[in-house]
Amino acid sequence: MNQLTASIEFYFKGERLAPTARLDLDQLMQQYGTLPDFHSFLAQQNNIGVYSYEYELFLSEDIQFTQATDGVSDFIENDQFDQTGFEQHWHQQQMFNHLAPVLKQQLDIDDINQQPALKTVLLAAWQLAKKD
């Protein structure tokens, strides 16, 4: 399960606000095929109206990403999330998950990671197929 916590700290009318949300990245990727804009998503999860001064202040701050599960932690550095890298990795993993039964049945391969040359060829073929 790929999860992380997104939070922003800012001040509005002299009050410290720290909207936070625990994000299930697998669910979001399955639902949208990509990850949503995290500022908008976090605002929605914390009832911050998009047509407000509070939202403008909220947008001016960077989102901090923490408490990542193992699959996501490789994509976090200095509390910043490599969204593009994660999305690419997630789609690749989905492709390999779909191919796993075929690899097992046709080539008796249980773990594609144990076959780096084949994995590279499959990734290249997948990239070429995506271009068409």
Protein backbone atom coordinates (compact mmCIF):
# COMPACT_ATOMS: atom_id res chain seq x y z
CA MET A 1 0.00 0.00 0.00
CA ASN A 2 1.48 3.33 -1.09
CA GLN A 3 0.59 6.07 1.35
CA LEU A 4 1.97 9.35 2.61
CA THR A 5 0.89 12.34 4.65
CA ALA A 6 0.63 15.76 3.02
CA SER A 7 0.53 18.92 5.13
CA ILE A 8 0.93 22.67 4.83
CA GLU A 9 1.54 25.13 7.62
CA PHE A 10 0.47 28.75 7.18
CA TYR A 11 -1.05 31.65 9.07
CA PHE A 12 -4.46 33.13 8.39
CA LYS A 13 -5.89 36.00 10.46
CA GLY A 14 -3.12 35.50 13.01
CA GLU A 15 -3.99 31.85 13.51
CA ARG A 16 -1.62 29.00 12.68
CA LEU A 17 -3.30 26.49 10.39
CA ALA A 18 -1.86 23.10 9.44
CA PRO A 19 -4.20 21.25 7.10
CA THR A 20 -3.15 17.63 6.75
CA ALA A 21 -4.37 14.57 4.87
CA ARG A 22 -3.27 10.94 4.70
CA LEU A 23 -3.17 10.03 1.00
CA ASP A 24 -3.69 6.56 -0.43
CA LEU A 25 -1.72 6.95 -3.65
CA ASP A 26 -2.81 3.58 -5.04
CA GLN A 27 -6.46 4.52 -4.73
CA LEU A 28 -5.86 7.93 -6.31
CA MET A 29 -3.88 6.42 -9.20
CA GLN A 30 -6.56 3.79 -9.81
CA GLN A 31 -9.28 6.42 -9.72
CA TYR A 32 -7.62 9.10 -11.88
CA GLY A 33 -4.74 7.38 -13.70
CA THR A 34 -2.55 10.15 -12.33
CA LEU A 35 -2.23 11.96 -9.03
CA PRO A 36 -4.37 15.07 -8.56
CA ASP A 37 -3.02 18.53 -7.84
CA PHE A 38 -2.11 18.14 -4.19
CA HIS A 39 -2.84 21.75 -3.21
CA SER A 40 -6.41 21.50 -4.51
CA PHE A 41 -6.88 18.03 -3.05
CA LEU A 42 -5.54 19.02 0.36
CA ALA A 43 -7.69 22.16 0.39
CA GLN A 44 -10.78 20.13 -0.46
CA GLN A 45 -10.01 17.54 2.24
CA ASN A 46 -9.70 20.34 4.81
CA ASN A 47 -12.69 22.44 3.72
CA ILE A 48 -10.66 25.38 2.45
CA GLY A 49 -12.68 27.27 -0.14
CA VAL A 50 -10.90 27.83 -3.44
CA TYR A 51 -12.30 31.37 -3.74
CA SER A 52 -10.91 32.70 -0.49
CA TYR A 53 -7.95 34.66 0.79
CA GLU A 54 -7.22 31.68 3.03
CA TYR A 55 -6.76 29.57 -0.12
CA GLU A 56 -4.39 32.15 -1.64
CA LEU A 57 -2.20 32.01 1.47
CA PHE A 58 -2.46 28.23 1.44
CA LEU A 59 -1.23 28.10 -2.19
CA SER A 60 1.81 30.23 -1.37
CA GLU A 61 3.24 27.48 0.86
CA ASP A 62 4.96 24.26 -0.18
CA ILE A 63 3.37 20.97 0.76
CA GLN A 64 5.43 18.83 3.11
CA PHE A 65 5.27 15.09 2.53
CA THR A 66 6.00 12.78 5.46
CA GLN A 67 5.16 9.35 6.88
CA ALA A 68 5.62 7.61 3.55
CA THR A 69 5.23 3.86 3.34
CA ASP A 70 8.10 1.81 1.92
CA GLY A 71 7.00 2.00 -1.72
CA VAL A 72 6.72 5.77 -1.60
CA SER A 73 9.72 6.65 0.56
CA ASP A 74 12.09 6.32 -2.43
CA PHE A 75 10.29 9.28 -4.01
CA ILE A 76 10.59 11.66 -1.05
CA GLU A 77 13.60 13.84 -0.43
CA ASN A 78 13.69 16.74 2.03
CA ASP A 79 9.93 16.38 2.57
CA GLN A 80 9.32 16.92 -1.17
CA PHE A 81 7.60 14.30 -3.30
CA ASP A 82 8.75 13.31 -6.81
CA GLN A 83 5.24 12.94 -8.18
CA THR A 84 6.30 12.28 -11.79
CA GLY A 85 8.80 9.62 -10.75
CA PHE A 86 6.25 7.90 -8.53
CA GLU A 87 3.58 7.91 -11.26
CA GLN A 88 5.99 6.37 -13.78
CA HIS A 89 7.05 3.72 -11.28
CA TRP A 90 3.44 2.97 -10.34
CA HIS A 91 2.42 2.48 -13.99
CA GLN A 92 5.43 0.23 -14.58
CA GLN A 93 4.54 -1.88 -11.55
CA GLN A 94 0.96 -2.19 -12.81
CA MET A 95 2.26 -3.37 -16.17
CA PHE A 96 4.48 -5.99 -14.52
CA ASN A 97 1.60 -7.10 -12.27
CA HIS A 98 -0.54 -7.70 -15.37
CA LEU A 99 2.30 -9.57 -17.09
CA ALA A 100 3.18 -11.74 -14.07
CA PRO A 101 0.78 -14.61 -14.90
CA VAL A 102 2.03 -14.71 -18.51
CA LEU A 103 5.66 -14.64 -17.41
CA LYS A 104 4.98 -17.48 -15.00
CA GLN A 105 3.02 -19.58 -17.46
CA GLN A 106 5.19 -19.06 -20.56
CA LEU A 107 8.68 -18.59 -19.10
CA ASP A 108 8.37 -19.97 -15.55
CA ILE A 109 9.50 -16.61 -14.14
CA ASP A 110 8.21 -15.83 -10.65
CA ASP A 111 10.04 -12.53 -10.13
CA ILE A 112 10.85 -10.26 -13.06
CA ASN A 113 13.40 -8.45 -10.88
CA GLN A 114 15.54 -11.59 -11.02
CA GLN A 115 15.72 -11.20 -14.81
CA PRO A 116 17.09 -7.65 -15.33
CA ALA A 117 17.72 -8.04 -19.09
CA LEU A 118 14.17 -9.24 -19.73
CA LYS A 119 12.79 -6.51 -17.48
CA THR A 120 14.70 -3.88 -19.49
CA VAL A 121 13.36 -5.26 -22.78
CA LEU A 122 9.79 -5.34 -21.48
CA LEU A 123 10.07 -1.75 -20.21
CA ALA A 124 11.45 -0.61 -23.58
CA ALA A 125 8.62 -2.37 -25.42
CA TRP A 126 6.08 -0.84 -23.05
CA GLN A 127 7.54 2.65 -23.62
CA LEU A 128 7.37 2.15 -27.40
CA ALA A 129 3.77 0.97 -27.19
CA LYS A 130 2.83 4.06 -25.14
CA LYS A 131 4.17 6.35 -27.89
CA ASP A 132 1.71 4.97 -30.47
